[in-house]
C-alpha atoms as a PDB file:
ATOM      1  CA  MET A   1       0.000   0.000   0.000  1.00  0.00           C
ATOM      2  CA  SER A   2       1.451   3.354  -0.952  1.00  0.00           C
ATOM      3  CA  VAL A   3       1.875   6.224   1.495  1.00  0.00           C
ATOM      4  CA  THR A   4      -0.894   8.181  -0.256  1.00  0.00           C
ATOM      5  CA  ASP A   5      -3.336   5.266   0.028  1.00  0.00           C
ATOM      6  CA  GLU A   6      -2.466   4.790   3.682  1.00  0.00           C
ATOM      7  CA  LEU A   7      -3.029   8.475   4.448  1.00  0.00           C
ATOM      8  CA  PHE A   8      -6.334   8.419   2.569  1.00  0.00           C
ATOM      9  CA  HIS A   9      -7.564   5.359   4.471  1.00  0.00           C
ATOM     10  CA  ARG A  10      -6.490   6.831   7.813  1.00  0.00           C
ATOM     11  CA  ALA A  11      -8.234  10.151   7.072  1.00  0.00           C
ATOM     12  CA  ASN A  12     -11.345   8.313   5.886  1.00  0.00           C
ATOM     13  CA  GLU A  13     -11.431   6.260   9.092  1.00  0.00           C
ATOM     14  CA  VAL A  14     -11.050   9.374  11.259  1.00  0.00           C
ATOM     15  CA  SER A  15     -13.835  11.105   9.323  1.00  0.00           C
ATOM     16  CA  ARG A  16     -16.128   8.084   9.651  1.00  0.00           C
ATOM     17  CA  ARG A  17     -15.523   7.848  13.414  1.00  0.00           C
ATOM     18  CA  ARG A  18     -16.176  11.571  13.861  1.00  0.00           C
ATOM     19  CA  ALA A  19     -19.452  11.320  11.928  1.00  0.00           C
ATOM     20  CA  TYR A  20     -20.524   8.361  14.085  1.00  0.00           C
ATOM     21  CA  LEU A  21     -19.699  10.228  17.304  1.00  0.00           C
ATOM     22  CA  LEU A  22     -21.726  13.241  16.181  1.00  0.00           C
ATOM     23  CA  TRP A  23     -24.642  10.986  15.212  1.00  0.00           C
ATOM     24  CA  HIS A  24     -24.462   9.151  18.553  1.00  0.00           C
ATOM     25  CA  ARG A  25     -24.325  12.426  20.511  1.00  0.00           C
ATOM     26  CA  HIS A  26     -27.363  13.710  18.619  1.00  0.00           C
ATOM     27  CA  ARG A  27     -29.323  10.494  19.317  1.00  0.00           C
ATOM     28  CA  SER A  28     -28.381  10.663  23.023  1.00  0.00           C
ATOM     29  CA  LYS A  29     -29.554  14.255  23.318  1.00  0.00           C
ATOM     30  CA  GLN A  30     -32.726  13.363  21.452  1.00  0.00           C
ATOM     31  CA  GLN A  31     -33.400  10.466  23.847  1.00  0.00           C
ATOM     32  CA  ILE A  32     -32.829  12.697  26.889  1.00  0.00           C
ATOM     33  CA  LEU A  33     -35.306  15.249  25.553  1.00  0.00           C
ATOM     34  CA  ARG A  34     -37.833  12.536  24.731  1.00  0.00           C
ATOM     35  CA  SER A  35     -37.581  11.107  28.259  1.00  0.00           C
ATOM     36  CA  GLN A  36     -38.056  14.582  29.782  1.00  0.00           C
ATOM     37  CA  VAL A  37     -41.219  15.087  27.732  1.00  0.00           C
ATOM     38  CA  GLY A  38     -42.573  11.691  28.787  1.00  0.00           C
ATOM     39  CA  PHE A  39     -41.628   9.337  25.953  1.00  0.00           C
ATOM     40  CA  SER A  40     -39.703   6.317  27.176  1.00  0.00           C
ATOM     41  CA  LYS A  41     -38.642   4.633  23.939  1.00  0.00           C
ATOM     42  CA  PRO A  42     -37.156   6.137  20.779  1.00  0.00           C
ATOM     43  CA  THR A  43     -39.014   5.532  17.543  1.00  0.00           C
ATOM     44  CA  PRO A  44     -37.687   2.395  15.836  1.00  0.00           C
ATOM     45  CA  GLN A  45     -35.307   2.992  12.942  1.00  0.00           C
ATOM     46  CA  ARG A  46     -35.946  -0.419  11.380  1.00  0.00           C
ATOM     47  CA  PRO A  47     -39.219  -0.981   9.486  1.00  0.00           C
ATOM     48  CA  GLU A  48     -41.441  -3.637  11.093  1.00  0.00           C
ATOM     49  CA  ALA A  49     -41.252  -5.900   8.035  1.00  0.00           C
ATOM     50  CA  CYS A  50     -37.425  -5.899   8.300  1.00  0.00           C
ATOM     51  CA  ALA A  51     -37.185  -6.892  11.984  1.00  0.00           C
ATOM     52  CA  GLY A  52     -34.746  -9.801  12.290  1.00  0.00           C
ATOM     53  CA  CYS A  53     -34.086 -10.077   8.542  1.00  0.00           C
ATOM     54  CA  HIS A  54     -30.678 -11.240   7.331  1.00  0.00           C
ATOM     55  CA  HIS A  55     -30.790  -8.797   4.392  1.00  0.00           C
ATOM     56  CA  TYR A  56     -31.350  -5.668   6.516  1.00  0.00           C
ATOM     57  CA  HIS A  57     -28.673  -3.002   5.877  1.00  0.00           C
ATOM     58  CA  GLY A  58     -30.146   0.226   7.258  1.00  0.00           C
ATOM     59  CA  VAL A  59     -27.201   2.571   6.641  1.00  0.00           C
ATOM     60  CA  ARG A  60     -27.979   6.138   5.571  1.00  0.00           C
ATOM     61  CA  TYR A  61     -25.989   7.575   2.681  1.00  0.00           C
ATOM     62  CA  GLY A  62     -25.546  11.209   1.693  1.00  0.00           C
ATOM     63  CA  ARG A  63     -25.011  14.435   3.608  1.00  0.00           C
ATOM     64  CA  GLY A  64     -27.157  16.572   5.885  1.00  0.00           C
ATOM     65  CA  ASP A  65     -30.899  16.475   5.338  1.00  0.00           C
ATOM     66  CA  ALA A  66     -30.461  14.642   2.028  1.00  0.00           C
ATOM     67  CA  ARG A  67     -29.376  11.396   3.752  1.00  0.00           C
ATOM     68  CA  THR A  68     -31.185   8.415   2.243  1.00  0.00           C
ATOM     69  CA  PRO A  69     -31.444   5.054   4.010  1.00  0.00           C
ATOM     70  CA  LEU A  70     -30.622   1.872   2.101  1.00  0.00           C
ATOM     71  CA  ILE A  71     -32.813  -0.700   3.822  1.00  0.00           C
ATOM     72  CA  CYS A  72     -31.799  -3.774   1.791  1.00  0.00           C
ATOM     73  CA  ALA A  73     -30.738  -4.733  -1.720  1.00  0.00           C
ATOM     74  CA  MET A  74     -34.137  -6.143  -2.693  1.00  0.00           C
ATOM     75  CA  HIS A  75     -36.206  -3.254  -1.289  1.00  0.00           C
ATOM     76  CA  PRO A  76     -34.000  -0.146  -0.960  1.00  0.00           C
ATOM     77  CA  PHE A  77     -36.733   1.872   0.797  1.00  0.00           C
ATOM     78  CA  GLY A  78     -38.137  -1.026   2.834  1.00  0.00           C
ATOM     79  CA  TRP A  79     -41.128  -3.299   2.298  1.00  0.00           C
ATOM     80  CA  ARG A  80     -44.240  -1.076   2.172  1.00  0.00           C
ATOM     81  CA  GLU A  81     -46.979  -3.622   1.617  1.00  0.00           C
ATOM     82  CA  PRO A  82     -49.268  -4.844   4.442  1.00  0.00           C
ATOM     83  CA  SER A  83     -48.260  -8.458   3.737  1.00  0.00           C
ATOM     84  CA  ALA A  84     -45.004 -10.028   4.932  1.00  0.00           C
ATOM     85  CA  CYS A  85     -41.890  -9.349   2.839  1.00  0.00           C
ATOM     86  CA  PRO A  86     -41.340 -12.257   0.396  1.00  0.00           C
ATOM     87  CA  ASP A  87     -37.530 -11.863   0.633  1.00  0.00           C
ATOM     88  CA  TRP A  88     -37.329 -12.021   4.447  1.00  0.00           C
ATOM     89  CA  GLN A  89     -34.735 -14.502   5.745  1.00  0.00           C
ATOM     90  CA  ALA A  90     -33.715 -15.375   9.282  1.00  0.00           C
ATOM     91  CA  PRO A  91     -30.136 -14.452  10.259  1.00  0.00           C
ATOM     92  CA  LEU A  92     -27.499 -17.009   9.338  1.00  0.00           C
ATOM     93  CA  GLU A  93     -26.253 -19.195  12.181  1.00  0.00           C
ATOM     94  CA  GLU A  94     -22.514 -19.101  12.732  1.00  0.00           C
END
């Protein structure tokens, strides 16, 4: 690996960790405010149809308010029908 590649990967890792820390701090503050108002649980981030699915990804991509979640490869915006998702699979056993 060249010096340039190593520096790029190190900077990318630092940037990713910083973004995660900011996200986590925001979620913590949000939870504190919700508990002060009387809500005990945060709203679930995972769609109900995706609960426990092996294919669930759930990472948001983009910047700022334009962040878009990628739920899974088969249904990028999540399963929106009232019936059960036909691609749902239990997690793989290790």
